[in-house]
């Protein structure tokens, strides 16, 4: 969370007290609302009954799905924070904000609310009220992921692990103990995350392929540094031993002109098998294999 200015800290304290949540829970929800561009939030905090989702206009989901009293309080908190975020132009990425009338005193298409004497319209009246860009201390950043990833589609945190998912960039950033690892999400269409119930437990996600462990994804960078990948070196080809033709021919009814002793024939067949393995690995082409095979069989 970015460092709050003194005025911003007072506003957060007022919102927390008015909705009956702690400052810590309110700051956690503020972070989620900011990441949701002021109109939605994916959150996880014990005071909100764990993980849940909120969308401006009335949609709210809690782990304690039948606790309507808690739902109402969380919805009120999110709406207060949503209006607060809308008053901060540097936080709303789309550059616009529209609220929906739910009989709660909002005007359609315009968010107006008061926080301890602050009214959003008073910014234009120059009366010294809580002004734009003053919620956080200037120059502080809320983003813990690499700046080139821009804005995440969803974020979350649990048991000391934070994640941020960037669908368009096909990237997933995970922070554990201050270390940020960025993964390539490939063609996964991620729909949700889960974590083992332990500090720093492994993280998994749901996609069209089912439940996937994050550790199975390719690593793009760790703390901004790409992982070292050793260059590929093809294994050396097995040494070919020229069979010795003793000139002792004999027939065994197999259609070959067996001019080589039995031991040498076995060496030739073993060599052909090794060449077949090299062809299967792509080291020899089909033509090269066929040519060498014909040459060897001519010795039998």
C-alpha atoms as a PDB file:
ATOM      1  CA  UNK A   1       0.000   0.000   0.000  1.00  0.00           C
ATOM      2  CA  UNK A   2       1.276   3.458  -0.871  1.00  0.00           C
ATOM      3  CA  UNK A   3       2.025   5.798   1.995  1.00  0.00           C
ATOM      4  CA  UNK A   4      -1.058   7.763   2.973  1.00  0.00           C
ATOM      5  CA  UNK A   5      -0.866  11.504   3.406  1.00  0.00           C
ATOM      6  CA  UNK A   6      -2.085  12.902   6.759  1.00  0.00           C
ATOM      7  CA  UNK A   7      -5.354  13.965   5.132  1.00  0.00           C
ATOM      8  CA  UNK A   8      -5.696  10.558   3.464  1.00  0.00           C
ATOM      9  CA  UNK A   9      -5.086   8.775   6.769  1.00  0.00           C
ATOM     10  CA  UNK A  10      -7.874  10.798   8.382  1.00  0.00           C
ATOM     11  CA  UNK A  11     -10.281   9.934   5.559  1.00  0.00           C
ATOM     12  CA  UNK A  12      -9.484   6.213   5.858  1.00  0.00           C
ATOM     13  CA  UNK A  13      -9.961   6.364   9.640  1.00  0.00           C
ATOM     14  CA  UNK A  14     -13.373   7.992   9.152  1.00  0.00           C
ATOM     15  CA  UNK A  15     -14.463   5.407   6.564  1.00  0.00           C
ATOM     16  CA  UNK A  16     -13.283   2.523   8.756  1.00  0.00           C
ATOM     17  CA  UNK A  17     -15.154   3.856  11.790  1.00  0.00           C
ATOM     18  CA  UNK A  18     -18.320   4.575   9.843  1.00  0.00           C
ATOM     19  CA  UNK A  19     -18.492   1.040   8.407  1.00  0.00           C
ATOM     20  CA  UNK A  20     -17.335  -0.770  11.540  1.00  0.00           C
ATOM     21  CA  UNK A  21     -14.085  -2.233  10.208  1.00  0.00           C
ATOM     22  CA  UNK A  22     -10.506  -1.878  11.372  1.00  0.00           C
ATOM     23  CA  UNK A  23      -8.112   0.464   9.585  1.00  0.00           C
ATOM     24  CA  UNK A  24      -6.080  -2.557   8.476  1.00  0.00           C
ATOM     25  CA  UNK A  25      -9.124  -4.175   6.838  1.00  0.00           C
ATOM     26  CA  UNK A  26     -10.112  -0.861   5.257  1.00  0.00           C
ATOM     27  CA  UNK A  27      -6.643  -0.369   3.786  1.00  0.00           C
ATOM     28  CA  UNK A  28      -6.714  -3.924   2.438  1.00  0.00           C
ATOM     29  CA  UNK A  29     -10.034  -3.238   0.738  1.00  0.00           C
ATOM     30  CA  UNK A  30      -8.779   0.118  -0.555  1.00  0.00           C
ATOM     31  CA  UNK A  31      -5.918  -1.704  -2.268  1.00  0.00           C
ATOM     32  CA  UNK A  32      -8.394  -4.139  -3.857  1.00  0.00           C
ATOM     33  CA  UNK A  33     -10.711  -1.343  -5.033  1.00  0.00           C
ATOM     34  CA  UNK A  34      -7.777   0.551  -6.553  1.00  0.00           C
ATOM     35  CA  UNK A  35      -6.696  -2.579  -8.424  1.00  0.00           C
ATOM     36  CA  UNK A  36     -10.296  -2.931  -9.632  1.00  0.00           C
ATOM     37  CA  UNK A  37     -10.175   0.576 -11.093  1.00  0.00           C
ATOM     38  CA  UNK A  38     -12.662   1.826  -8.530  1.00  0.00           C
ATOM     39  CA  UNK A  39     -15.599  -0.238  -9.789  1.00  0.00           C
ATOM     40  CA  UNK A  40     -14.819  -3.751  -8.568  1.00  0.00           C
ATOM     41  CA  UNK A  41     -12.636  -5.607  -6.075  1.00  0.00           C
ATOM     42  CA  UNK A  42     -11.282  -9.066  -5.357  1.00  0.00           C
ATOM     43  CA  UNK A  43     -10.366  -9.143  -1.678  1.00  0.00           C
ATOM     44  CA  UNK A  44      -9.212 -11.473   1.065  1.00  0.00           C
ATOM     45  CA  UNK A  45      -9.275 -10.470   4.735  1.00  0.00           C
ATOM     46  CA  UNK A  46     -10.536 -12.173   7.912  1.00  0.00           C
ATOM     47  CA  UNK A  47     -12.904  -9.281   8.704  1.00  0.00           C
ATOM     48  CA  UNK A  48     -14.613  -9.878   5.351  1.00  0.00           C
ATOM     49  CA  UNK A  49     -14.957 -13.621   6.066  1.00  0.00           C
ATOM     50  CA  UNK A  50     -11.955 -14.421   3.879  1.00  0.00           C
ATOM     51  CA  UNK A  51     -11.966 -14.083   0.123  1.00  0.00           C
ATOM     52  CA  UNK A  52     -14.729 -12.446  -1.894  1.00  0.00           C
ATOM     53  CA  UNK A  53     -15.655 -10.220  -4.799  1.00  0.00           C
ATOM     54  CA  UNK A  54     -17.504  -6.934  -5.140  1.00  0.00           C
ATOM     55  CA  UNK A  55     -18.772  -5.009  -8.146  1.00  0.00           C
ATOM     56  CA  UNK A  56     -20.337  -1.576  -8.036  1.00  0.00           C
ATOM     57  CA  UNK A  57     -24.052  -1.813  -8.622  1.00  0.00           C
ATOM     58  CA  UNK A  58     -24.919  -4.454  -6.042  1.00  0.00           C
ATOM     59  CA  UNK A  59     -22.971  -7.637  -6.871  1.00  0.00           C
ATOM     60  CA  UNK A  60     -21.114  -8.995  -3.840  1.00  0.00           C
ATOM     61  CA  UNK A  61     -19.883 -12.496  -2.978  1.00  0.00           C
ATOM     62  CA  UNK A  62     -18.480 -13.595   0.383  1.00  0.00           C
ATOM     63  CA  UNK A  63     -17.205 -16.913   1.650  1.00  0.00           C
ATOM     64  CA  UNK A  64     -19.896 -16.615   4.328  1.00  0.00           C
ATOM     65  CA  UNK A  65     -22.538 -16.495   1.601  1.00  0.00           C
ATOM     66  CA  UNK A  66     -25.587 -16.345   3.881  1.00  0.00           C
ATOM     67  CA  UNK A  67     -24.325 -13.520   6.107  1.00  0.00           C
ATOM     68  CA  UNK A  68     -26.415 -10.707   4.639  1.00  0.00           C
ATOM     69  CA  UNK A  69     -25.507  -8.324   7.467  1.00  0.00           C
ATOM     70  CA  UNK A  70     -21.811  -8.627   6.645  1.00  0.00           C
ATOM     71  CA  UNK A  71     -22.584  -8.301   2.937  1.00  0.00           C
ATOM     72  CA  UNK A  72     -24.312  -4.986   3.578  1.00  0.00           C
ATOM     73  CA  UNK A  73     -21.381  -3.654   5.613  1.00  0.00           C
ATOM     74  CA  UNK A  74     -18.812  -4.769   3.023  1.00  0.00           C
ATOM     75  CA  UNK A  75     -20.885  -3.246   0.229  1.00  0.00           C
ATOM     76  CA  UNK A  76     -21.082   0.053   2.116  1.00  0.00           C
ATOM     77  CA  UNK A  77     -17.326   0.036   2.682  1.00  0.00           C
ATOM     78  CA  UNK A  78     -16.608  -0.720  -0.970  1.00  0.00           C
ATOM     79  CA  UNK A  79     -18.938   2.030  -2.171  1.00  0.00           C
ATOM     80  CA  UNK A  80     -17.277   4.568   0.131  1.00  0.00           C
ATOM     81  CA  UNK A  81     -13.835   3.541  -1.092  1.00  0.00           C
ATOM     82  CA  UNK A  82     -14.995   3.452  -4.699  1.00  0.00           C
ATOM     83  CA  UNK A  83     -16.113   7.074  -4.475  1.00  0.00           C
ATOM     84  CA  UNK A  84     -12.874   7.992  -2.762  1.00  0.00           C
ATOM     85  CA  UNK A  85     -10.846   6.363  -5.546  1.00  0.00           C
ATOM     86  CA  UNK A  86     -12.971   8.167  -8.141  1.00  0.00           C
ATOM     87  CA  UNK A  87     -11.925  11.474  -6.582  1.00  0.00           C
ATOM     88  CA  UNK A  88      -8.285  10.663  -7.270  1.00  0.00           C
ATOM     89  CA  UNK A  89      -7.568  11.050 -11.016  1.00  0.00           C
ATOM     90  CA  UNK A  90      -4.219   9.293 -10.744  1.00  0.00           C
ATOM     91  CA  UNK A  91      -5.924   6.141  -9.436  1.00  0.00           C
ATOM     92  CA  UNK A  92      -8.771   5.750 -11.957  1.00  0.00           C
ATOM     93  CA  UNK A  93      -7.114   4.310 -15.047  1.00  0.00           C
ATOM     94  CA  UNK A  94     -10.003   4.773 -17.445  1.00  0.00           C
ATOM     95  CA  UNK A  95     -10.200   8.504 -16.723  1.00  0.00           C
ATOM     96  CA  UNK A  96     -13.912   8.339 -16.006  1.00  0.00           C
ATOM     97  CA  UNK A  97     -16.234   7.067 -13.322  1.00  0.00           C
ATOM     98  CA  UNK A  98     -19.966   6.459 -13.272  1.00  0.00           C
ATOM     99  CA  UNK A  99     -22.057   5.244 -10.390  1.00  0.00           C
ATOM    100  CA  UNK A 100     -25.421   3.545 -10.517  1.00  0.00           C
ATOM    101  CA  UNK A 101     -28.371   4.763  -8.517  1.00  0.00           C
ATOM    102  CA  UNK A 102     -29.428   2.252  -5.889  1.00  0.00           C
ATOM    103  CA  UNK A 103     -31.578   4.556  -3.778  1.00  0.00           C
ATOM    104  CA  UNK A 104     -28.552   5.415  -1.667  1.00  0.00           C
ATOM    105  CA  UNK A 105     -28.297   9.123  -2.282  1.00  0.00           C
ATOM    106  CA  UNK A 106     -26.057   8.920  -5.374  1.00  0.00           C
ATOM    107  CA  UNK A 107     -26.896  10.896  -8.491  1.00  0.00           C
ATOM    108  CA  UNK A 108     -26.954   8.815 -11.673  1.00  0.00           C
ATOM    109  CA  UNK A 109     -23.678   9.121 -13.567  1.00  0.00           C
ATOM    110  CA  UNK A 110     -22.013  11.243 -10.880  1.00  0.00           C
ATOM    111  CA  UNK A 111     -20.570  10.142  -7.566  1.00  0.00           C
ATOM    112  CA  UNK A 112     -21.003  12.594  -4.726  1.00  0.00           C
ATOM    113  CA  UNK A 113     -20.283  11.688  -1.148  1.00  0.00           C
ATOM    114  CA  UNK A 114     -18.781  13.259   1.943  1.00  0.00           C
ATOM    115  CA  UNK A 115     -15.903  12.053   4.110  1.00  0.00           C
ATOM    116  CA  UNK A 116     -15.579  14.050   7.291  1.00  0.00           C
ATOM    117  CA  UNK A 117     -16.617  17.310   5.710  1.00  0.00           C
ATOM    118  CA  UNK A 118     -15.147  16.503   2.280  1.00  0.00           C
ATOM    119  CA  UNK A 119     -17.418  16.690  -0.768  1.00  0.00           C
ATOM    120  CA  UNK A 120     -16.107  15.777  -4.184  1.00  0.00           C
ATOM    121  CA  UNK A 121     -17.690  18.820  -5.846  1.00  0.00           C
ATOM    122  CA  UNK A 122     -15.908  21.109  -3.395  1.00  0.00           C
ATOM    123  CA  UNK A 123     -12.664  20.469  -5.292  1.00  0.00           C
ATOM    124  CA  UNK A 124     -13.851  22.903  -7.914  1.00  0.00           C
ATOM    125  CA  UNK A 125     -14.892  25.491  -5.357  1.00  0.00           C
ATOM    126  CA  UNK A 126     -11.394  26.062  -3.950  1.00  0.00           C
ATOM    127  CA  UNK A 127     -12.537  25.957  -0.336  1.00  0.00           C
ATOM    128  CA  UNK A 128      -9.502  24.050   0.974  1.00  0.00           C
ATOM    129  CA  UNK A 129     -11.252  20.675   1.198  1.00  0.00           C
ATOM    130  CA  UNK A 130      -9.520  17.326   0.711  1.00  0.00           C
ATOM    131  CA  UNK A 131      -8.118  17.897  -2.783  1.00  0.00           C
ATOM    132  CA  UNK A 132      -7.027  15.852  -5.755  1.00  0.00           C
ATOM    133  CA  UNK A 133      -3.859  13.716  -5.590  1.00  0.00           C
ATOM    134  CA  UNK A 134      -3.667  14.180  -1.802  1.00  0.00           C
ATOM    135  CA  UNK A 135      -4.803  10.727  -0.680  1.00  0.00           C
ATOM    136  CA  UNK A 136      -1.236   9.378  -0.893  1.00  0.00           C
ATOM    137  CA  UNK A 137       2.133  10.973  -0.407  1.00  0.00           C
ATOM    138  CA  UNK A 138       3.366  12.110  -3.869  1.00  0.00           C
ATOM    139  CA  UNK A 139       6.014   9.910  -5.436  1.00  0.00           C
ATOM    140  CA  UNK A 140       5.039   6.695  -3.640  1.00  0.00           C
ATOM    141  CA  UNK A 141       3.872   3.715  -5.666  1.00  0.00           C
ATOM    142  CA  UNK A 142       1.370   0.982  -4.907  1.00  0.00           C
ATOM    143  CA  UNK A 143       2.650  -1.423  -7.561  1.00  0.00           C
ATOM    144  CA  UNK A 144       4.972  -4.236  -6.451  1.00  0.00           C
ATOM    145  CA  UNK A 145       5.102  -5.938  -9.866  1.00  0.00           C
ATOM    146  CA  UNK A 146       7.347  -4.885 -12.818  1.00  0.00           C
ATOM    147  CA  UNK A 147       6.249  -1.547 -14.267  1.00  0.00           C
ATOM    148  CA  UNK A 148       6.148  -2.836 -17.853  1.00  0.00           C
ATOM    149  CA  UNK A 149       3.196  -5.089 -16.961  1.00  0.00           C
ATOM    150  CA  UNK A 150       1.021  -2.023 -16.365  1.00  0.00           C
ATOM    151  CA  UNK A 151      -2.401  -2.858 -14.892  1.00  0.00           C
ATOM    152  CA  UNK A 152      -3.459  -6.308 -13.582  1.00  0.00           C
ATOM    153  CA  UNK A 153      -6.832  -7.904 -14.233  1.00  0.00           C
ATOM    154  CA  UNK A 154      -6.912  -9.256 -10.693  1.00  0.00           C
ATOM    155  CA  UNK A 155      -4.777  -9.258  -7.563  1.00  0.00           C
ATOM    156  CA  UNK A 156      -4.876 -11.043  -4.241  1.00  0.00           C
ATOM    157  CA  UNK A 157      -2.919 -11.972  -1.138  1.00  0.00           C
ATOM    158  CA  UNK A 158      -2.987 -14.767   1.409  1.00  0.00           C
ATOM    159  CA  UNK A 159      -0.559 -16.206   3.962  1.00  0.00           C
ATOM    160  CA  UNK A 160       2.316 -13.911   2.984  1.00  0.00           C
ATOM    161  CA  UNK A 161       1.925 -14.490  -0.774  1.00  0.00           C
ATOM    162  CA  UNK A 162       0.696 -11.852  -3.241  1.00  0.00           C
ATOM    163  CA  UNK A 163      -0.273 -12.354  -6.873  1.00  0.00           C
ATOM    164  CA  UNK A 164      -1.200 -10.140  -9.815  1.00  0.00           C
ATOM    165  CA  UNK A 165      -2.620 -11.574 -13.056  1.00  0.00           C
ATOM    166  CA  UNK A 166      -2.208  -9.806 -16.414  1.00  0.00           C
ATOM    167  CA  UNK A 167      -4.440 -11.562 -18.941  1.00  0.00           C
ATOM    168  CA  UNK A 168      -3.550  -9.521 -22.024  1.00  0.00           C
ATOM    169  CA  UNK A 169       0.210  -9.831 -21.422  1.00  0.00           C
ATOM    170  CA  UNK A 170      -0.183 -13.523 -20.442  1.00  0.00           C
ATOM    171  CA  UNK A 171       1.818 -12.947 -17.292  1.00  0.00           C
ATOM    172  CA  UNK A 172       1.404 -13.840 -13.606  1.00  0.00           C
ATOM    173  CA  UNK A 173       3.453 -12.083 -10.921  1.00  0.00           C
ATOM    174  CA  UNK A 174       3.923 -13.781  -7.533  1.00  0.00           C
ATOM    175  CA  UNK A 175       5.585 -12.121  -4.534  1.00  0.00           C
ATOM    176  CA  UNK A 176       6.879 -14.331  -1.704  1.00  0.00           C
ATOM    177  CA  UNK A 177       9.087 -12.908   1.047  1.00  0.00           C
ATOM    178  CA  UNK A 178       9.794  -9.801  -1.027  1.00  0.00           C
ATOM    179  CA  UNK A 179      10.921 -11.749  -4.109  1.00  0.00           C
ATOM    180  CA  UNK A 180       8.817 -11.215  -7.241  1.00  0.00           C
ATOM    181  CA  UNK A 181       8.661 -13.996  -9.834  1.00  0.00           C
ATOM    182  CA  UNK A 182       6.948 -13.425 -13.183  1.00  0.00           C
ATOM    183  CA  UNK A 183       5.526 -16.457 -15.019  1.00  0.00           C
ATOM    184  CA  UNK A 184       4.305 -16.986 -18.580  1.00  0.00           C
ATOM    185  CA  UNK A 185       0.670 -18.138 -18.363  1.00  0.00           C
ATOM    186  CA  UNK A 186       0.839 -19.601 -21.904  1.00  0.00           C
ATOM    187  CA  UNK A 187      -2.690 -20.182 -23.259  1.00  0.00           C
ATOM    188  CA  UNK A 188      -4.302 -20.644 -19.843  1.00  0.00           C
ATOM    189  CA  UNK A 189      -7.510 -18.691 -19.288  1.00  0.00           C
ATOM    190  CA  UNK A 190      -7.219 -18.182 -15.554  1.00  0.00           C
ATOM    191  CA  UNK A 191     -10.444 -18.067 -13.599  1.00  0.00           C
ATOM    192  CA  UNK A 192      -9.327 -18.211  -9.967  1.00  0.00           C
ATOM    193  CA  UNK A 193      -6.462 -18.869  -7.577  1.00  0.00           C
ATOM    194  CA  UNK A 194      -6.022 -21.073  -4.534  1.00  0.00           C
ATOM    195  CA  UNK A 195      -3.293 -21.627  -1.975  1.00  0.00           C
ATOM    196  CA  UNK A 196      -2.395 -24.312   0.523  1.00  0.00           C
ATOM    197  CA  UNK A 197      -3.275 -23.231   4.044  1.00  0.00           C
ATOM    198  CA  UNK A 198       0.241 -22.455   5.195  1.00  0.00           C
ATOM    199  CA  UNK A 199       2.600 -19.513   5.116  1.00  0.00           C
ATOM    200  CA  UNK A 200       4.142 -19.373   1.657  1.00  0.00           C
ATOM    201  CA  UNK A 201       2.123 -22.421   0.547  1.00  0.00           C
ATOM    202  CA  UNK A 202       2.127 -23.415  -3.105  1.00  0.00           C
ATOM    203  CA  UNK A 203      -0.217 -21.468  -5.380  1.00  0.00           C
ATOM    204  CA  UNK A 204      -2.476 -23.008  -7.996  1.00  0.00           C
ATOM    205  CA  UNK A 205      -5.075 -21.669 -10.397  1.00  0.00           C
ATOM    206  CA  UNK A 206      -8.072 -22.850 -12.382  1.00  0.00           C
ATOM    207  CA  UNK A 207      -8.005 -22.729 -16.171  1.00  0.00           C
ATOM    208  CA  UNK A 208      -9.747 -24.474 -19.064  1.00  0.00           C
ATOM    209  CA  UNK A 209      -7.372 -27.383 -18.365  1.00  0.00           C
ATOM    210  CA  UNK A 210      -8.394 -27.779 -14.720  1.00  0.00           C
ATOM    211  CA  UNK A 211      -6.360 -27.081 -11.581  1.00  0.00           C
ATOM    212  CA  UNK A 212      -2.793 -26.086 -12.487  1.00  0.00           C
ATOM    213  CA  UNK A 213       0.218 -25.628 -10.180  1.00  0.00           C
ATOM    214  CA  UNK A 214       1.918 -22.265 -10.700  1.00  0.00           C
ATOM    215  CA  UNK A 215       5.312 -24.014 -10.486  1.00  0.00           C
ATOM    216  CA  UNK A 216       4.559 -25.728 -13.803  1.00  0.00           C
ATOM    217  CA  UNK A 217       4.592 -22.393 -15.690  1.00  0.00           C
ATOM    218  CA  UNK A 218       7.740 -21.102 -17.425  1.00  0.00           C
ATOM    219  CA  UNK A 219       9.596 -18.473 -15.384  1.00  0.00           C
ATOM    220  CA  UNK A 220      10.139 -15.150 -17.177  1.00  0.00           C
ATOM    221  CA  UNK A 221      12.070 -13.316 -14.464  1.00  0.00           C
ATOM    222  CA  UNK A 222      12.941 -13.299 -10.770  1.00  0.00           C
ATOM    223  CA  UNK A 223      13.281  -9.798  -9.290  1.00  0.00           C
ATOM    224  CA  UNK A 224      13.560  -8.465 -12.828  1.00  0.00           C
ATOM    225  CA  UNK A 225      16.334 -10.862 -13.891  1.00  0.00           C
ATOM    226  CA  UNK A 226      15.695 -13.561 -16.505  1.00  0.00           C
ATOM    227  CA  UNK A 227      16.685 -17.073 -15.376  1.00  0.00           C
ATOM    228  CA  UNK A 228      19.845 -18.592 -16.847  1.00  0.00           C
ATOM    229  CA  UNK A 229      19.176 -21.247 -19.462  1.00  0.00           C
ATOM    230  CA  UNK A 230      22.139 -23.368 -20.524  1.00  0.00           C
ATOM    231  CA  UNK A 231      22.553 -23.540 -24.331  1.00  0.00           C
ATOM    232  CA  UNK A 232      21.482 -26.815 -25.893  1.00  0.00           C
ATOM    233  CA  UNK A 233      24.310 -29.131 -26.882  1.00  0.00           C
ATOM    234  CA  UNK A 234      23.529 -32.176 -29.010  1.00  0.00           C
ATOM    235  CA  UNK A 235      24.875 -35.422 -27.565  1.00  0.00           C
ATOM    236  CA  UNK A 236      27.901 -36.796 -29.430  1.00  0.00           C
ATOM    237  CA  UNK A 237      27.181 -39.476 -32.004  1.00  0.00           C
ATOM    238  CA  UNK A 238      28.348 -42.947 -31.007  1.00  0.00           C
ATOM    239  CA  UNK A 239      31.634 -43.976 -32.577  1.00  0.00           C
ATOM    240  CA  UNK A 240      31.148 -46.252 -35.549  1.00  0.00           C
ATOM    241  CA  UNK A 241      33.371 -49.324 -35.533  1.00  0.00           C
ATOM    242  CA  UNK A 242      34.084 -50.707 -38.974  1.00  0.00           C
ATOM    243  CA  UNK A 243      33.274 -54.424 -38.892  1.00  0.00           C
ATOM    244  CA  UNK A 244      36.010 -56.797 -39.975  1.00  0.00           C
ATOM    245  CA  UNK A 245      35.114 -58.886 -42.999  1.00  0.00           C
ATOM    246  CA  UNK A 246      36.918 -62.184 -42.705  1.00  0.00           C
ATOM    247  CA  UNK A 247      35.669 -63.429 -46.025  1.00  0.00           C
ATOM    248  CA  UNK A 248      34.227 -66.562 -44.444  1.00  0.00           C
ATOM    249  CA  UNK A 249      30.804 -66.905 -46.047  1.00  0.00           C
ATOM    250  CA  UNK A 250      28.044 -69.192 -45.029  1.00  0.00           C
ATOM    251  CA  UNK A 251      24.311 -69.370 -45.559  1.00  0.00           C
ATOM    252  CA  UNK A 252      21.657 -69.542 -42.870  1.00  0.00           C
ATOM    253  CA  UNK A 253      18.528 -69.430 -44.987  1.00  0.00           C
ATOM    254  CA  UNK A 254      17.765 -65.760 -44.270  1.00  0.00           C
ATOM    255  CA  UNK A 255      18.276 -64.501 -47.795  1.00  0.00           C
ATOM    256  CA  UNK A 256      21.554 -62.681 -47.033  1.00  0.00           C
ATOM    257  CA  UNK A 257      24.904 -63.410 -48.525  1.00  0.00           C
ATOM    258  CA  UNK A 258      26.592 -63.913 -45.198  1.00  0.00           C
ATOM    259  CA  UNK A 259      30.200 -63.116 -45.967  1.00  0.00           C
ATOM    260  CA  UNK A 260      30.979 -61.958 -42.407  1.00  0.00           C
ATOM    261  CA  UNK A 261      31.352 -64.054 -39.250  1.00  0.00           C
ATOM    262  CA  UNK A 262      28.391 -64.197 -36.847  1.00  0.00           C
ATOM    263  CA  UNK A 263      30.076 -61.848 -34.333  1.00  0.00           C
ATOM    264  CA  UNK A 264      30.613 -59.173 -36.991  1.00  0.00           C
ATOM    265  CA  UNK A 265      26.991 -59.519 -38.170  1.00  0.00           C
ATOM    266  CA  UNK A 266      25.783 -58.820 -34.642  1.00  0.00           C
ATOM    267  CA  UNK A 267      27.983 -55.691 -34.542  1.00  0.00           C
ATOM    268  CA  UNK A 268      26.453 -54.507 -37.802  1.00  0.00           C
ATOM    269  CA  UNK A 269      22.875 -55.033 -36.571  1.00  0.00           C
ATOM    270  CA  UNK A 270      23.715 -53.261 -33.287  1.00  0.00           C
ATOM    271  CA  UNK A 271      25.139 -50.351 -35.282  1.00  0.00           C
ATOM    272  CA  UNK A 272      21.949 -50.147 -37.349  1.00  0.00           C
ATOM    273  CA  UNK A 273      19.905 -49.991 -34.133  1.00  0.00           C
ATOM    274  CA  UNK A 274      22.064 -47.139 -32.816  1.00  0.00           C
ATOM    275  CA  UNK A 275      21.654 -45.299 -36.115  1.00  0.00           C
ATOM    276  CA  UNK A 276      17.877 -45.758 -35.845  1.00  0.00           C
ATOM    277  CA  UNK A 277      17.998 -44.119 -32.414  1.00  0.00           C
ATOM    278  CA  UNK A 278      19.926 -41.173 -33.860  1.00  0.00           C
ATOM    279  CA  UNK A 279      17.318 -40.830 -36.591  1.00  0.00           C
ATOM    280  CA  UNK A 280      14.512 -40.866 -33.994  1.00  0.00           C
ATOM    281  CA  UNK A 281      16.263 -38.057 -32.103  1.00  0.00           C
ATOM    282  CA  UNK A 282      16.592 -35.990 -35.275  1.00  0.00           C
ATOM    283  CA  UNK A 283      20.380 -36.212 -35.431  1.00  0.00           C
ATOM    284  CA  UNK A 284      20.279 -38.237 -38.685  1.00  0.00           C
ATOM    285  CA  UNK A 285      17.880 -37.602 -41.544  1.00  0.00           C
ATOM    286  CA  UNK A 286      15.836 -40.403 -43.105  1.00  0.00           C
ATOM    287  CA  UNK A 287      18.034 -40.344 -46.207  1.00  0.00           C
ATOM    288  CA  UNK A 288      21.248 -40.525 -44.188  1.00  0.00           C
ATOM    289  CA  UNK A 289      19.898 -43.431 -42.155  1.00  0.00           C
ATOM    290  CA  UNK A 290      18.720 -45.334 -45.234  1.00  0.00           C
ATOM    291  CA  UNK A 291      22.063 -44.851 -47.002  1.00  0.00           C
ATOM    292  CA  UNK A 292      24.131 -46.034 -44.035  1.00  0.00           C
ATOM    293  CA  UNK A 293      21.759 -48.943 -43.384  1.00  0.00           C
ATOM    294  CA  UNK A 294      22.069 -50.133 -46.993  1.00  0.00           C
ATOM    295  CA  UNK A 295      25.846 -49.853 -46.776  1.00  0.00           C
ATOM    296  CA  UNK A 296      25.967 -51.914 -43.600  1.00  0.00           C
ATOM    297  CA  UNK A 297      23.596 -54.593 -44.876  1.00  0.00           C
ATOM    298  CA  UNK A 298      25.719 -54.977 -47.968  1.00  0.00           C
ATOM    299  CA  UNK A 299      28.511 -56.167 -45.703  1.00  0.00           C
ATOM    300  CA  UNK A 300      26.437 -58.997 -44.258  1.00  0.00           C
END
